[in-house]
Amino acid sequence: MDNNVINHVFEFLLYQPAGFPYLAAFSMLLACGLGLPIPEDLTLFTMGYVAYSGIASFRASCAVCLFGVLVGDATIYWIGRRYGTRLLKKGILAKLFPPERMAARPVGMRVNQPENDDPTLIEETRGPLQHGLL
């Protein structure tokens, strides 16, 4: 990365309100947890460098980053747990994951039965690891 670009980024951060780096890091980590195709590590490394430079507090940066990762991951898990089967029956997800494809899931994945909400193991199928593909 060009040194000039890095200087512009830090100059931008220096003239923002005091909480801006924390808000930016939390927002990016939350978006990454929800599926934004940017590695979370990039945000974590950047926030570490911002803390090292003295723009943000190290302890507060650690807390904000931990909270951002946990909230992002927990939110997408909760959405899948609560609405997953309904989302798979509508729109583009129904085309991407037809019933015959979902029936070929690996051993041990749990499926919630809508009648009594009792988690049961699906029937045994052979996954890519059992075939020696991975």
N, C-alpha and C. Protein backbone atom coordinates (compact mmCIF):
# COMPACT_ATOMS: atom_id res chain seq x y z
N MET A 1 0.85 -1.17 0.00
CA MET A 1 0.00 0.00 0.00
C MET A 1 0.90 1.24 0.00
N ASP A 2 0.51 2.23 -0.72
CA ASP A 2 1.28 3.46 -0.83
C ASP A 2 1.27 4.20 0.50
N ASN A 3 2.41 4.73 0.90
CA ASN A 3 2.53 5.45 2.16
C ASN A 3 1.63 6.68 2.18
N ASN A 4 1.42 7.30 1.03
CA ASN A 4 0.57 8.47 0.92
C ASN A 4 -0.88 8.13 1.29
N VAL A 5 -1.34 6.96 0.89
CA VAL A 5 -2.72 6.53 1.20
C VAL A 5 -2.87 6.34 2.71
N ILE A 6 -1.87 5.70 3.33
CA ILE A 6 -1.92 5.48 4.78
C ILE A 6 -1.95 6.82 5.51
N ASN A 7 -1.17 7.78 5.06
CA ASN A 7 -1.18 9.11 5.70
C ASN A 7 -2.54 9.77 5.58
N HIS A 8 -3.20 9.63 4.43
CA HIS A 8 -4.53 10.22 4.26
C HIS A 8 -5.55 9.55 5.19
N VAL A 9 -5.45 8.24 5.35
CA VAL A 9 -6.37 7.53 6.23
C VAL A 9 -6.21 8.02 7.67
N PHE A 10 -4.97 8.12 8.13
CA PHE A 10 -4.76 8.55 9.52
C PHE A 10 -5.07 10.03 9.71
N GLU A 11 -4.85 10.83 8.70
CA GLU A 11 -5.24 12.24 8.77
C GLU A 11 -6.76 12.35 8.88
N PHE A 12 -7.46 11.52 8.12
CA PHE A 12 -8.92 11.50 8.21
C PHE A 12 -9.38 11.10 9.61
N LEU A 13 -8.75 10.06 10.18
CA LEU A 13 -9.13 9.59 11.51
C LEU A 13 -8.82 10.62 12.60
N LEU A 14 -7.75 11.37 12.45
CA LEU A 14 -7.37 12.36 13.46
C LEU A 14 -8.39 13.47 13.60
N TYR A 15 -9.06 13.81 12.51
CA TYR A 15 -9.99 14.95 12.55
C TYR A 15 -11.45 14.53 12.71
N GLN A 16 -11.69 13.31 13.09
CA GLN A 16 -13.04 12.82 13.36
C GLN A 16 -13.32 12.94 14.86
N PRO A 17 -14.60 12.86 15.26
CA PRO A 17 -14.90 12.86 16.69
C PRO A 17 -14.22 11.68 17.39
N ALA A 18 -14.08 11.78 18.69
CA ALA A 18 -13.30 10.80 19.46
C ALA A 18 -13.82 9.37 19.31
N GLY A 19 -15.11 9.18 19.17
CA GLY A 19 -15.67 7.84 19.10
C GLY A 19 -15.73 7.25 17.70
N PHE A 20 -15.29 7.99 16.70
CA PHE A 20 -15.42 7.53 15.32
C PHE A 20 -14.68 6.22 15.04
N PRO A 21 -13.42 6.04 15.47
CA PRO A 21 -12.75 4.76 15.18
C PRO A 21 -13.49 3.57 15.77
N TYR A 22 -14.05 3.76 16.96
CA TYR A 22 -14.79 2.67 17.59
C TYR A 22 -16.07 2.36 16.83
N LEU A 23 -16.79 3.39 16.43
CA LEU A 23 -18.03 3.21 15.67
C LEU A 23 -17.74 2.57 14.31
N ALA A 24 -16.66 3.02 13.66
CA ALA A 24 -16.30 2.46 12.36
C ALA A 24 -15.91 0.98 12.49
N ALA A 25 -15.12 0.65 13.51
CA ALA A 25 -14.70 -0.74 13.70
C ALA A 25 -15.90 -1.62 14.03
N PHE A 26 -16.75 -1.17 14.93
CA PHE A 26 -17.93 -1.95 15.30
C PHE A 26 -18.83 -2.16 14.10
N SER A 27 -19.07 -1.12 13.32
CA SER A 27 -19.94 -1.23 12.15
C SER A 27 -19.38 -2.20 11.11
N MET A 28 -18.08 -2.11 10.86
CA MET A 28 -17.46 -3.02 9.88
C MET A 28 -17.52 -4.46 10.35
N LEU A 29 -17.24 -4.70 11.65
CA LEU A 29 -17.27 -6.07 12.16
C LEU A 29 -18.68 -6.62 12.17
N LEU A 30 -19.65 -5.79 12.48
CA LEU A 30 -21.05 -6.22 12.43
C LEU A 30 -21.44 -6.57 10.99
N ALA A 31 -21.06 -5.72 10.04
CA ALA A 31 -21.37 -5.98 8.63
C ALA A 31 -20.68 -7.25 8.13
N CYS A 32 -19.44 -7.47 8.57
CA CYS A 32 -18.73 -8.70 8.18
C CYS A 32 -19.42 -9.93 8.75
N GLY A 33 -19.89 -9.84 9.98
CA GLY A 33 -20.61 -10.95 10.59
C GLY A 33 -21.92 -11.25 9.88
N LEU A 34 -22.51 -10.22 9.29
CA LEU A 34 -23.77 -10.40 8.57
C LEU A 34 -23.57 -10.80 7.12
N GLY A 35 -22.32 -10.93 6.69
CA GLY A 35 -22.09 -11.46 5.35
C GLY A 35 -21.33 -10.57 4.40
N LEU A 36 -20.91 -9.39 4.80
CA LEU A 36 -20.11 -8.55 3.92
C LEU A 36 -18.80 -9.27 3.62
N PRO A 37 -18.48 -9.44 2.35
CA PRO A 37 -17.31 -10.27 2.01
C PRO A 37 -15.97 -9.55 2.18
N ILE A 38 -15.72 -9.08 3.39
CA ILE A 38 -14.44 -8.48 3.76
C ILE A 38 -13.96 -9.24 4.98
N PRO A 39 -12.70 -9.66 5.01
CA PRO A 39 -12.22 -10.40 6.18
C PRO A 39 -12.25 -9.53 7.44
N GLU A 40 -12.72 -10.10 8.53
CA GLU A 40 -12.74 -9.39 9.81
C GLU A 40 -11.34 -9.05 10.27
N ASP A 41 -10.37 -9.86 9.87
CA ASP A 41 -8.99 -9.64 10.30
C ASP A 41 -8.48 -8.27 9.85
N LEU A 42 -8.89 -7.84 8.68
CA LEU A 42 -8.46 -6.54 8.18
C LEU A 42 -8.88 -5.43 9.12
N THR A 43 -10.11 -5.47 9.57
CA THR A 43 -10.61 -4.46 10.50
C THR A 43 -9.90 -4.57 11.84
N LEU A 44 -9.67 -5.79 12.30
CA LEU A 44 -8.99 -5.98 13.58
C LEU A 44 -7.55 -5.47 13.54
N PHE A 45 -6.83 -5.77 12.46
CA PHE A 45 -5.46 -5.28 12.32
C PHE A 45 -5.42 -3.76 12.23
N THR A 46 -6.36 -3.20 11.48
CA THR A 46 -6.42 -1.75 11.35
C THR A 46 -6.71 -1.10 12.69
N MET A 47 -7.64 -1.65 13.43
CA MET A 47 -7.97 -1.09 14.74
C MET A 47 -6.79 -1.23 15.70
N GLY A 48 -6.04 -2.32 15.59
CA GLY A 48 -4.85 -2.47 16.41
C GLY A 48 -3.82 -1.41 16.08
N TYR A 49 -3.66 -1.11 14.81
CA TYR A 49 -2.70 -0.08 14.42
C TYR A 49 -3.17 1.31 14.84
N VAL A 50 -4.48 1.54 14.78
CA VAL A 50 -5.03 2.81 15.23
C VAL A 50 -4.78 2.98 16.73
N ALA A 51 -4.95 1.91 17.50
CA ALA A 51 -4.68 1.96 18.93
C ALA A 51 -3.19 2.16 19.18
N TYR A 52 -2.36 1.49 18.41
CA TYR A 52 -0.90 1.63 18.55
C TYR A 52 -0.47 3.06 18.26
N SER A 53 -1.11 3.70 17.30
CA SER A 53 -0.77 5.08 16.94
C SER A 53 -1.25 6.09 17.96
N GLY A 54 -2.08 5.68 18.89
CA GLY A 54 -2.56 6.60 19.92
C GLY A 54 -3.85 7.29 19.58
N ILE A 55 -4.46 6.96 18.46
CA ILE A 55 -5.72 7.59 18.08
C ILE A 55 -6.86 7.04 18.92
N ALA A 56 -6.78 5.78 19.32
CA ALA A 56 -7.81 5.13 20.12
C ALA A 56 -7.16 4.39 21.29
N SER A 57 -7.94 4.13 22.31
CA SER A 57 -7.47 3.39 23.47
C SER A 57 -7.38 1.90 23.13
N PHE A 58 -6.31 1.25 23.58
CA PHE A 58 -6.13 -0.17 23.29
C PHE A 58 -7.23 -1.02 23.94
N ARG A 59 -7.49 -0.77 25.21
CA ARG A 59 -8.51 -1.57 25.93
C ARG A 59 -9.90 -1.37 25.33
N ALA A 60 -10.24 -0.13 25.04
CA ALA A 60 -11.55 0.13 24.44
C ALA A 60 -11.63 -0.49 23.05
N SER A 61 -10.53 -0.46 22.30
CA SER A 61 -10.51 -1.07 20.96
C SER A 61 -10.74 -2.57 21.05
N CYS A 62 -10.08 -3.21 22.01
CA CYS A 62 -10.28 -4.66 22.19
C CYS A 62 -11.73 -4.97 22.54
N ALA A 63 -12.30 -4.20 23.45
CA ALA A 63 -13.68 -4.44 23.86
C ALA A 63 -14.66 -4.22 22.71
N VAL A 64 -14.47 -3.14 21.97
CA VAL A 64 -15.37 -2.83 20.85
C VAL A 64 -15.26 -3.90 19.76
N CYS A 65 -14.04 -4.32 19.46
CA CYS A 65 -13.85 -5.33 18.41
C CYS A 65 -14.44 -6.68 18.82
N LEU A 66 -14.21 -7.07 20.07
CA LEU A 66 -14.79 -8.33 20.57
C LEU A 66 -16.30 -8.28 20.51
N PHE A 67 -16.88 -7.18 20.97
CA PHE A 67 -18.32 -7.02 20.97
C PHE A 67 -18.87 -7.01 19.54
N GLY A 68 -18.18 -6.35 18.61
CA GLY A 68 -18.62 -6.30 17.22
C GLY A 68 -18.64 -7.66 16.56
N VAL A 69 -17.59 -8.46 16.79
CA VAL A 69 -17.54 -9.81 16.22
C VAL A 69 -18.64 -10.68 16.82
N LEU A 70 -18.81 -10.62 18.14
CA LEU A 70 -19.83 -11.45 18.80
C LEU A 70 -21.23 -11.08 18.36
N VAL A 71 -21.52 -9.79 18.29
CA VAL A 71 -22.87 -9.36 17.90
C VAL A 71 -23.16 -9.74 16.44
N GLY A 72 -22.19 -9.55 15.56
CA GLY A 72 -22.38 -9.91 14.15
C GLY A 72 -22.63 -11.40 13.97
N ASP A 73 -21.81 -12.22 14.63
CA ASP A 73 -21.97 -13.68 14.51
C ASP A 73 -23.25 -14.17 15.17
N ALA A 74 -23.57 -13.61 16.33
CA ALA A 74 -24.79 -14.03 17.03
C ALA A 74 -26.04 -13.62 16.26
N THR A 75 -25.99 -12.47 15.61
CA THR A 75 -27.16 -12.00 14.86
C THR A 75 -27.44 -12.90 13.66
N ILE A 76 -26.40 -13.24 12.91
CA ILE A 76 -26.64 -14.09 11.74
C ILE A 76 -27.04 -15.50 12.18
N TYR A 77 -26.51 -15.97 13.31
CA TYR A 77 -26.92 -17.27 13.84
C TYR A 77 -28.40 -17.22 14.23
N TRP A 78 -28.81 -16.15 14.92
CA TRP A 78 -30.19 -16.03 15.38
C TRP A 78 -31.14 -15.96 14.18
N ILE A 79 -30.77 -15.20 13.15
CA ILE A 79 -31.62 -15.10 11.96
C ILE A 79 -31.78 -16.48 11.31
N GLY A 80 -30.68 -17.22 11.19
CA GLY A 80 -30.77 -18.56 10.61
C GLY A 80 -31.55 -19.52 11.47
N ARG A 81 -31.38 -19.43 12.77
CA ARG A 81 -32.09 -20.32 13.69
C ARG A 81 -33.59 -20.04 13.69
N ARG A 82 -33.93 -18.76 13.66
CA ARG A 82 -35.34 -18.38 13.76
C ARG A 82 -36.09 -18.49 12.42
N TYR A 83 -35.44 -18.05 11.34
CA TYR A 83 -36.14 -17.95 10.05
C TYR A 83 -35.56 -18.85 8.97
N GLY A 84 -34.58 -19.67 9.28
CA GLY A 84 -33.84 -20.43 8.28
C GLY A 84 -34.68 -21.29 7.37
N THR A 85 -35.53 -22.13 7.94
CA THR A 85 -36.33 -23.04 7.10
C THR A 85 -37.34 -22.27 6.25
N ARG A 86 -37.88 -21.18 6.79
CA ARG A 86 -38.83 -20.38 6.01
C ARG A 86 -38.13 -19.64 4.88
N LEU A 87 -36.91 -19.17 5.14
CA LEU A 87 -36.17 -18.46 4.09
C LEU A 87 -35.74 -19.40 2.96
N LEU A 88 -35.52 -20.67 3.29
CA LEU A 88 -35.11 -21.64 2.27
C LEU A 88 -36.24 -22.02 1.32
N LYS A 89 -37.46 -21.67 1.67
CA LYS A 89 -38.61 -22.02 0.83
C LYS A 89 -39.05 -20.88 -0.08
N LYS A 90 -38.37 -19.70 0.02
CA LYS A 90 -38.80 -18.54 -0.75
C LYS A 90 -37.65 -17.95 -1.54
N GLY A 91 -37.98 -17.30 -2.63
CA GLY A 91 -37.04 -16.48 -3.38
C GLY A 91 -35.82 -17.19 -3.91
N ILE A 92 -34.71 -16.48 -3.88
CA ILE A 92 -33.48 -16.98 -4.48
C ILE A 92 -32.90 -18.15 -3.68
N LEU A 93 -33.12 -18.18 -2.38
CA LEU A 93 -32.60 -19.30 -1.59
C LEU A 93 -33.28 -20.61 -1.95
N ALA A 94 -34.54 -20.55 -2.35
CA ALA A 94 -35.24 -21.77 -2.77
C ALA A 94 -34.62 -22.32 -4.06
N LYS A 95 -34.12 -21.43 -4.91
CA LYS A 95 -33.47 -21.89 -6.15
C LYS A 95 -32.06 -22.40 -5.88
N LEU A 96 -31.36 -21.75 -4.95
CA LEU A 96 -29.99 -22.17 -4.63
C LEU A 96 -29.94 -23.48 -3.85
N PHE A 97 -30.93 -23.68 -2.98
CA PHE A 97 -30.96 -24.86 -2.12
C PHE A 97 -32.27 -25.62 -2.27
N PRO A 98 -32.45 -26.34 -3.38
CA PRO A 98 -33.68 -27.11 -3.57
C PRO A 98 -33.74 -28.27 -2.56
N PRO A 99 -34.93 -28.84 -2.34
CA PRO A 99 -35.08 -29.90 -1.35
C PRO A 99 -34.14 -31.09 -1.56
N GLU A 100 -33.89 -31.48 -2.81
CA GLU A 100 -33.00 -32.62 -3.05
C GLU A 100 -31.56 -32.30 -2.65
N ARG A 101 -31.16 -31.04 -2.79
CA ARG A 101 -29.82 -30.65 -2.36
C ARG A 101 -29.74 -30.61 -0.84
N MET A 102 -30.78 -30.15 -0.20
CA MET A 102 -30.80 -30.09 1.26
C MET A 102 -30.85 -31.49 1.88
N ALA A 103 -31.41 -32.45 1.16
CA ALA A 103 -31.47 -33.81 1.67
C ALA A 103 -30.09 -34.47 1.69
N ALA A 104 -29.14 -33.95 0.95
CA ALA A 104 -27.79 -34.53 0.88
C ALA A 104 -26.82 -33.85 1.85
N ARG A 105 -27.32 -33.28 2.94
CA ARG A 105 -26.45 -32.63 3.92
C ARG A 105 -25.61 -33.66 4.66
N PRO A 106 -24.47 -33.25 5.19
CA PRO A 106 -23.61 -34.19 5.93
C PRO A 106 -24.26 -34.75 7.18
N VAL A 107 -23.69 -35.83 7.68
CA VAL A 107 -24.20 -36.50 8.88
C VAL A 107 -24.10 -35.56 10.08
N GLY A 108 -25.10 -35.59 10.94
CA GLY A 108 -25.03 -34.88 12.20
C GLY A 108 -25.61 -33.49 12.20
N MET A 109 -26.03 -32.96 11.05
CA MET A 109 -26.66 -31.64 11.06
C MET A 109 -28.06 -31.78 11.64
N ARG A 110 -28.41 -30.89 12.50
CA ARG A 110 -29.72 -30.96 13.14
C ARG A 110 -30.77 -30.21 12.34
N VAL A 111 -31.97 -30.75 12.35
CA VAL A 111 -33.09 -30.14 11.66
C VAL A 111 -34.21 -29.97 12.68
N ASN A 112 -34.80 -28.80 12.75
CA ASN A 112 -35.93 -28.58 13.64
C ASN A 112 -37.20 -29.02 12.95
N GLN A 113 -37.94 -29.87 13.60
CA GLN A 113 -39.21 -30.31 13.08
C GLN A 113 -40.26 -29.25 13.44
N PRO A 114 -40.97 -28.65 12.46
CA PRO A 114 -41.91 -27.58 12.78
C PRO A 114 -43.10 -28.03 13.63
N GLU A 115 -43.41 -29.34 13.63
CA GLU A 115 -44.59 -29.79 14.39
C GLU A 115 -44.37 -29.63 15.90
N ASN A 116 -43.24 -30.10 16.40
CA ASN A 116 -43.05 -30.08 17.84
C ASN A 116 -41.75 -29.36 18.25
N ASP A 117 -41.04 -28.77 17.28
CA ASP A 117 -39.79 -28.06 17.53
C ASP A 117 -38.77 -28.91 18.27
N ASP A 118 -38.78 -30.20 17.97
CA ASP A 118 -37.84 -31.13 18.59
C ASP A 118 -36.67 -31.35 17.66
N PRO A 119 -35.44 -30.99 18.08
CA PRO A 119 -34.31 -31.21 17.18
C PRO A 119 -34.00 -32.70 17.03
N THR A 120 -33.89 -33.16 15.80
CA THR A 120 -33.56 -34.56 15.55
C THR A 120 -32.44 -34.62 14.53
N LEU A 121 -31.69 -35.68 14.54
CA LEU A 121 -30.63 -35.86 13.56
C LEU A 121 -31.23 -36.33 12.25
N ILE A 122 -30.71 -35.79 11.16
CA ILE A 122 -31.20 -36.25 9.87
C ILE A 122 -30.60 -37.62 9.57
N GLU A 123 -31.15 -38.28 8.60
CA GLU A 123 -30.65 -39.61 8.26
C GLU A 123 -29.22 -39.54 7.74
N GLU A 124 -28.50 -40.62 7.88
CA GLU A 124 -27.08 -40.63 7.54
C GLU A 124 -26.87 -40.52 6.04
N THR A 125 -26.00 -39.60 5.67
CA THR A 125 -25.58 -39.46 4.28
C THR A 125 -24.06 -39.36 4.27
N ARG A 126 -23.49 -39.55 3.12
CA ARG A 126 -22.03 -39.47 3.02
C ARG A 126 -21.65 -38.08 2.54
N GLY A 127 -20.79 -37.42 3.31
CA GLY A 127 -20.33 -36.08 2.96
C GLY A 127 -19.01 -36.16 2.20
N PRO A 128 -18.46 -35.01 1.79
CA PRO A 128 -17.22 -35.00 1.02
C PRO A 128 -16.03 -35.55 1.80
N LEU A 129 -16.02 -35.41 3.12
CA LEU A 129 -14.91 -35.95 3.90
C LEU A 129 -14.92 -37.47 3.91
N GLN A 130 -16.12 -38.06 3.92
CA GLN A 130 -16.22 -39.51 3.94
C GLN A 130 -15.85 -40.10 2.59
N HIS A 131 -15.96 -39.33 1.53
CA HIS A 131 -15.59 -39.82 0.20
C HIS A 131 -14.12 -39.58 -0.09
N GLY A 132 -13.44 -38.88 0.80
CA GLY A 132 -12.02 -38.59 0.61
C GLY A 132 -11.75 -37.47 -0.36
N LEU A 133 -12.74 -36.58 -0.57
CA LEU A 133 -12.55 -35.48 -1.50
C LEU A 133 -11.79 -34.31 -0.86
N LEU A 134 -11.89 -34.16 0.46
CA LEU A 134 -11.22 -33.06 1.14
C LEU A 134 -10.16 -33.57 2.07
